[in-house]
């Protein structure tokens, strides 16, 4: 958790943080009580003032302040403190590159309720809804989802951002979201094997035929992504020795995938 790292402080990197821990200084409280710290004299003053501000920012619930200062691999530390204001977000698009590609659907899950947004229906509603959260959680969202959202809606997304992709890489778990899900024993059942390219095909099917089942299948896929993010957050915390008291169970997906449609669309993919 946040109170057991110093890497958000100016001049404190991974190696200095490790030196502090080796000297028995494992937390902010321990640093305050220590008679001597294994730091250069020039760093001690900044360290003390940074620690004082850390307490104040945590008390104020300022997740963004910590997010802007923590290394990418350490962002999991935000979750135990700020999960009450979490928004698990995933987008689907018509391609990978802006501005040729556009957002088709967005799923937003806050641990209690799921909201979905569809191009041509209610996509713009996302702007007002996301503003109510203090912690954004994504998978590879710093590189993909967040830039798309900023450009599509012209919004700053000024909130803490926990991108789980670099967190899991630092834990030695590499690959895309679907691969990581399988490693953790998470199942998608009817949506097993569906990926981002299939999401593009589903949207094209909807545009060409008006088939609402294509949109519902796309939303089912999008929803599974955000449901997984909550489980992955908790796994990252557990792997780092933080067991969260409140249990969670994977929600029932309110959208149903059309398996016949998926089977038909898979025939359009030449390498399958």
Protein backbone atom coordinates (compact mmCIF):
# COMPACT_ATOMS: atom_id res chain seq x y z
CA UNK A 1 0.00 0.00 0.00
CA UNK A 2 0.98 3.65 -0.32
CA UNK A 3 2.22 4.02 3.24
CA UNK A 4 4.84 1.33 2.61
CA UNK A 5 6.66 2.96 -0.30
CA UNK A 6 8.78 6.07 -0.74
CA UNK A 7 9.13 5.93 -4.51
CA UNK A 8 6.66 8.77 -5.02
CA UNK A 9 8.99 11.17 -3.19
CA UNK A 10 11.46 13.40 -5.02
CA UNK A 11 14.88 11.80 -5.31
CA UNK A 12 13.71 8.36 -4.12
CA UNK A 13 13.99 5.64 -6.72
CA UNK A 14 13.74 1.88 -6.49
CA UNK A 15 17.28 1.42 -5.15
CA UNK A 16 16.96 4.09 -2.46
CA UNK A 17 13.59 2.70 -1.46
CA UNK A 18 15.24 -0.70 -1.10
CA UNK A 19 18.01 0.79 1.09
CA UNK A 20 15.39 2.26 3.39
CA UNK A 21 13.62 -1.08 3.66
CA UNK A 22 16.93 -2.88 4.32
CA UNK A 23 17.55 -0.45 7.17
CA UNK A 24 14.23 -1.40 8.72
CA UNK A 25 12.34 1.64 7.43
CA UNK A 26 9.36 -0.14 5.88
CA UNK A 27 6.67 2.55 6.19
CA UNK A 28 6.04 6.26 6.54
CA UNK A 29 5.45 5.83 10.27
CA UNK A 30 8.74 3.97 10.62
CA UNK A 31 10.53 6.79 8.79
CA UNK A 32 9.15 9.34 11.23
CA UNK A 33 10.31 7.27 14.21
CA UNK A 34 13.77 6.45 12.85
CA UNK A 35 16.71 8.11 14.58
CA UNK A 36 18.71 8.01 11.39
CA UNK A 37 17.87 7.42 7.74
CA UNK A 38 20.22 5.94 5.10
CA UNK A 39 19.93 9.06 2.95
CA UNK A 40 22.35 11.72 1.78
CA UNK A 41 22.18 14.87 3.89
CA UNK A 42 21.01 16.95 0.92
CA UNK A 43 18.02 14.63 0.46
CA UNK A 44 16.85 14.52 4.07
CA UNK A 45 15.03 17.86 4.08
CA UNK A 46 13.12 17.13 0.85
CA UNK A 47 12.33 13.66 2.16
CA UNK A 48 10.83 15.02 5.39
CA UNK A 49 8.71 17.66 3.64
CA UNK A 50 7.60 15.12 1.01
CA UNK A 51 6.56 12.69 3.69
CA UNK A 52 4.54 15.37 5.48
CA UNK A 53 2.78 16.24 2.22
CA UNK A 54 2.12 12.53 1.59
CA UNK A 55 0.17 12.25 4.83
CA UNK A 56 -1.83 15.36 3.94
CA UNK A 57 -2.57 14.21 0.39
CA UNK A 58 -3.67 10.79 1.58
CA UNK A 59 -5.94 12.32 4.20
CA UNK A 60 -7.43 14.57 1.50
CA UNK A 61 -8.05 11.59 -0.81
CA UNK A 62 -5.82 13.02 -3.54
CA UNK A 63 -5.27 9.90 -5.63
CA UNK A 64 -4.02 11.90 -8.63
CA UNK A 65 -1.09 13.37 -6.66
CA UNK A 66 0.24 9.90 -5.92
CA UNK A 67 -0.54 8.56 -9.39
CA UNK A 68 1.53 11.31 -11.02
CA UNK A 69 4.53 10.41 -8.85
CA UNK A 70 4.53 6.63 -8.58
CA UNK A 71 6.34 4.46 -11.15
CA UNK A 72 3.99 2.55 -13.46
CA UNK A 73 4.75 -0.78 -11.79
CA UNK A 74 3.85 0.62 -8.36
CA UNK A 75 0.46 2.07 -9.27
CA UNK A 76 -1.29 -0.97 -7.74
CA UNK A 77 -0.67 0.71 -4.37
CA UNK A 78 -3.46 3.18 -5.17
CA UNK A 79 -6.12 0.50 -5.16
CA UNK A 80 -6.46 -0.32 -1.43
CA UNK A 81 -6.82 3.37 -0.61
CA UNK A 82 -8.98 4.68 -3.44
CA UNK A 83 -11.07 1.75 -4.70
CA UNK A 84 -14.25 3.43 -3.42
CA UNK A 85 -13.95 5.85 -6.36
CA UNK A 86 -12.85 3.33 -8.99
CA UNK A 87 -13.95 3.15 -12.61
CA UNK A 88 -12.87 0.08 -14.56
CA UNK A 89 -12.95 1.21 -18.20
CA UNK A 90 -12.40 -0.45 -21.55
CA UNK A 91 -13.10 0.81 -25.06
CA UNK A 92 -13.66 -0.88 -28.41
CA UNK A 93 -12.68 0.89 -31.61
CA UNK A 94 -12.80 0.51 -35.39
CA UNK A 95 -9.00 0.18 -35.49
CA UNK A 96 -5.76 0.97 -33.69
CA UNK A 97 -4.77 4.42 -34.98
CA UNK A 98 -6.33 7.82 -34.38
CA UNK A 99 -7.82 9.65 -36.25
CA UNK A 100 -8.69 6.95 -38.79
CA UNK A 101 -10.20 4.78 -36.04
CA UNK A 102 -13.12 5.76 -33.82
CA UNK A 103 -14.57 4.50 -30.56
CA UNK A 104 -17.52 2.16 -31.05
CA UNK A 105 -18.39 1.14 -27.48
CA UNK A 106 -17.22 1.83 -23.93
CA UNK A 107 -17.83 -0.21 -20.79
CA UNK A 108 -17.57 1.38 -17.34
CA UNK A 109 -17.87 -0.73 -14.20
CA UNK A 110 -17.48 0.67 -10.68
CA UNK A 111 -17.68 -2.54 -8.68
CA UNK A 112 -21.44 -2.21 -8.27
CA UNK A 113 -22.98 -1.20 -11.58
CA UNK A 114 -22.14 -1.46 -15.26
CA UNK A 115 -22.68 1.33 -17.75
CA UNK A 116 -22.19 0.95 -21.49
CA UNK A 117 -21.96 3.53 -24.24
CA UNK A 118 -22.52 2.98 -27.95
CA UNK A 119 -21.55 5.18 -30.90
CA UNK A 120 -24.64 6.80 -32.37
CA UNK A 121 -26.67 6.20 -29.22
CA UNK A 122 -25.22 7.54 -25.98
CA UNK A 123 -21.44 7.68 -26.40
CA UNK A 124 -21.22 11.32 -25.26
CA UNK A 125 -22.77 10.43 -21.90
CA UNK A 126 -19.44 8.94 -20.90
CA UNK A 127 -17.95 12.42 -20.40
CA UNK A 128 -20.26 13.36 -17.52
CA UNK A 129 -20.21 9.88 -16.00
CA UNK A 130 -16.43 9.42 -15.84
CA UNK A 131 -16.02 12.78 -14.11
CA UNK A 132 -17.54 11.29 -10.96
CA UNK A 133 -14.63 8.89 -10.34
CA UNK A 134 -11.18 9.44 -8.86
CA UNK A 135 -9.38 6.25 -9.95
CA UNK A 136 -9.36 4.96 -13.53
CA UNK A 137 -8.35 1.31 -14.00
CA UNK A 138 -7.47 -0.08 -17.43
CA UNK A 139 -5.41 -2.72 -19.18
CA UNK A 140 -2.77 -1.02 -21.35
CA UNK A 141 -4.96 2.06 -21.11
CA UNK A 142 -2.15 4.60 -20.85
CA UNK A 143 -1.07 3.65 -24.36
CA UNK A 144 -4.47 2.97 -25.92
CA UNK A 145 -7.75 3.70 -24.10
CA UNK A 146 -6.84 6.99 -22.40
CA UNK A 147 -5.38 8.72 -25.50
CA UNK A 148 -8.42 7.65 -27.54
CA UNK A 149 -10.80 8.98 -24.90
CA UNK A 150 -8.99 12.30 -24.59
CA UNK A 151 -9.04 12.86 -28.34
CA UNK A 152 -12.57 11.60 -28.96
CA UNK A 153 -14.17 13.75 -26.26
CA UNK A 154 -11.55 16.49 -25.85
CA UNK A 155 -11.34 15.82 -22.10
CA UNK A 156 -8.22 15.82 -19.88
CA UNK A 157 -9.11 12.73 -17.80
CA UNK A 158 -7.46 14.36 -14.78
CA UNK A 159 -7.70 11.44 -12.39
CA UNK A 160 -5.42 8.76 -11.02
CA UNK A 161 -4.81 6.03 -13.59
CA UNK A 162 -3.91 2.47 -12.62
CA UNK A 163 -2.82 0.69 -15.79
CA UNK A 164 -2.56 -2.99 -14.88
CA UNK A 165 -0.43 -3.95 -17.88
CA UNK A 166 2.93 -2.67 -16.50
CA UNK A 167 1.95 -3.85 -13.01
CA UNK A 168 1.58 -7.45 -14.20
CA UNK A 169 4.75 -7.24 -16.30
CA UNK A 170 6.66 -6.26 -13.17
CA UNK A 171 5.25 -9.39 -11.53
CA UNK A 172 6.61 -11.54 -14.38
CA UNK A 173 3.19 -12.05 -15.99
CA UNK A 174 3.33 -11.00 -19.63
CA UNK A 175 0.85 -11.01 -22.47
CA UNK A 176 -2.51 -9.51 -23.32
CA UNK A 177 -5.56 -9.38 -21.07
CA UNK A 178 -7.05 -12.63 -22.40
CA UNK A 179 -3.80 -14.54 -21.82
CA UNK A 180 -3.52 -13.22 -18.28
CA UNK A 181 -7.14 -14.17 -17.59
CA UNK A 182 -6.42 -17.75 -18.60
CA UNK A 183 -3.33 -17.85 -16.39
CA UNK A 184 -5.53 -16.81 -13.47
CA UNK A 185 -8.26 -19.32 -14.34
CA UNK A 186 -10.84 -16.78 -15.53
CA UNK A 187 -13.29 -18.05 -18.16
CA UNK A 188 -15.27 -16.24 -20.84
CA UNK A 189 -17.35 -19.22 -21.97
CA UNK A 190 -19.27 -18.16 -25.10
CA UNK A 191 -16.79 -15.35 -25.68
CA UNK A 192 -13.69 -17.52 -25.42
CA UNK A 193 -11.35 -16.69 -28.29
CA UNK A 194 -13.07 -13.41 -29.16
CA UNK A 195 -10.54 -10.60 -29.54
CA UNK A 196 -10.20 -6.99 -30.66
CA UNK A 197 -10.36 -7.87 -34.33
CA UNK A 198 -13.60 -9.75 -33.82
CA UNK A 199 -14.90 -6.67 -32.02
CA UNK A 200 -14.23 -4.69 -35.21
CA UNK A 201 -16.07 -7.29 -37.29
CA UNK A 202 -19.06 -7.18 -34.93
CA UNK A 203 -19.30 -3.42 -35.35
CA UNK A 204 -19.05 -3.72 -39.14
CA UNK A 205 -21.80 -6.33 -39.06
CA UNK A 206 -24.01 -3.94 -37.11
CA UNK A 207 -23.37 -1.04 -39.50
CA UNK A 208 -23.98 -3.12 -42.62
CA UNK A 209 -27.03 -5.07 -41.47
CA UNK A 210 -28.46 -3.22 -38.48
CA UNK A 211 -28.25 -6.48 -36.54
CA UNK A 212 -28.74 -5.57 -32.88
CA UNK A 213 -27.35 -8.96 -31.86
CA UNK A 214 -23.97 -7.80 -33.18
CA UNK A 215 -24.02 -4.82 -30.81
CA UNK A 216 -25.16 -6.94 -27.88
CA UNK A 217 -22.38 -9.44 -28.53
CA UNK A 218 -19.88 -6.59 -28.72
CA UNK A 219 -21.16 -5.17 -25.43
CA UNK A 220 -20.96 -8.62 -23.83
CA UNK A 221 -17.30 -8.78 -24.86
CA UNK A 222 -16.64 -5.22 -23.67
CA UNK A 223 -18.30 -5.92 -20.31
CA UNK A 224 -16.16 -9.02 -19.71
CA UNK A 225 -13.06 -6.86 -20.07
CA UNK A 226 -14.03 -4.49 -17.27
CA UNK A 227 -15.28 -7.28 -15.00
CA UNK A 228 -11.83 -8.86 -15.27
CA UNK A 229 -10.09 -5.65 -14.23
CA UNK A 230 -11.52 -5.81 -10.72
CA UNK A 231 -10.26 -9.38 -10.27
CA UNK A 232 -6.83 -8.42 -11.60
CA UNK A 233 -6.57 -5.46 -9.21
CA UNK A 234 -7.22 -7.73 -6.27
CA UNK A 235 -4.74 -10.31 -7.58
CA UNK A 236 -2.02 -7.65 -7.91
CA UNK A 237 -2.62 -6.56 -4.32
CA UNK A 238 -2.59 -10.14 -3.04
CA UNK A 239 0.65 -10.91 -4.87
CA UNK A 240 2.20 -7.94 -3.08
CA UNK A 241 1.02 -9.07 0.33
CA UNK A 242 -2.17 -6.99 0.57
CA UNK A 243 -5.29 -9.08 1.11
CA UNK A 244 -8.38 -6.93 0.81
CA UNK A 245 -11.05 -7.59 3.40
CA UNK A 246 -14.05 -7.08 1.14
CA UNK A 247 -14.63 -10.05 -1.14
CA UNK A 248 -15.87 -9.68 -4.69
CA UNK A 249 -17.48 -12.04 -7.16
CA UNK A 250 -17.55 -11.69 -10.93
CA UNK A 251 -20.88 -10.11 -11.94
CA UNK A 252 -23.33 -11.79 -14.25
CA UNK A 253 -22.95 -10.29 -17.70
CA UNK A 254 -26.24 -8.58 -18.64
CA UNK A 255 -25.48 -8.99 -22.33
CA UNK A 256 -25.65 -12.28 -24.23
CA UNK A 257 -23.25 -13.23 -26.99
CA UNK A 258 -24.71 -14.62 -30.19
CA UNK A 259 -22.60 -17.75 -30.71
CA UNK A 260 -23.96 -18.42 -34.18
CA UNK A 261 -23.04 -14.91 -35.28
CA UNK A 262 -19.55 -15.29 -33.83
CA UNK A 263 -19.07 -18.59 -35.65
CA UNK A 264 -20.14 -16.98 -38.93
CA UNK A 265 -17.85 -13.99 -38.50
CA UNK A 266 -14.87 -16.20 -37.69
CA UNK A 267 -15.11 -17.54 -41.24
CA UNK A 268 -14.23 -14.02 -42.44
CA UNK A 269 -10.83 -14.18 -40.73
CA UNK A 270 -8.40 -15.79 -43.23
CA UNK A 271 -5.84 -17.01 -40.68
CA UNK A 272 -8.42 -18.98 -38.64
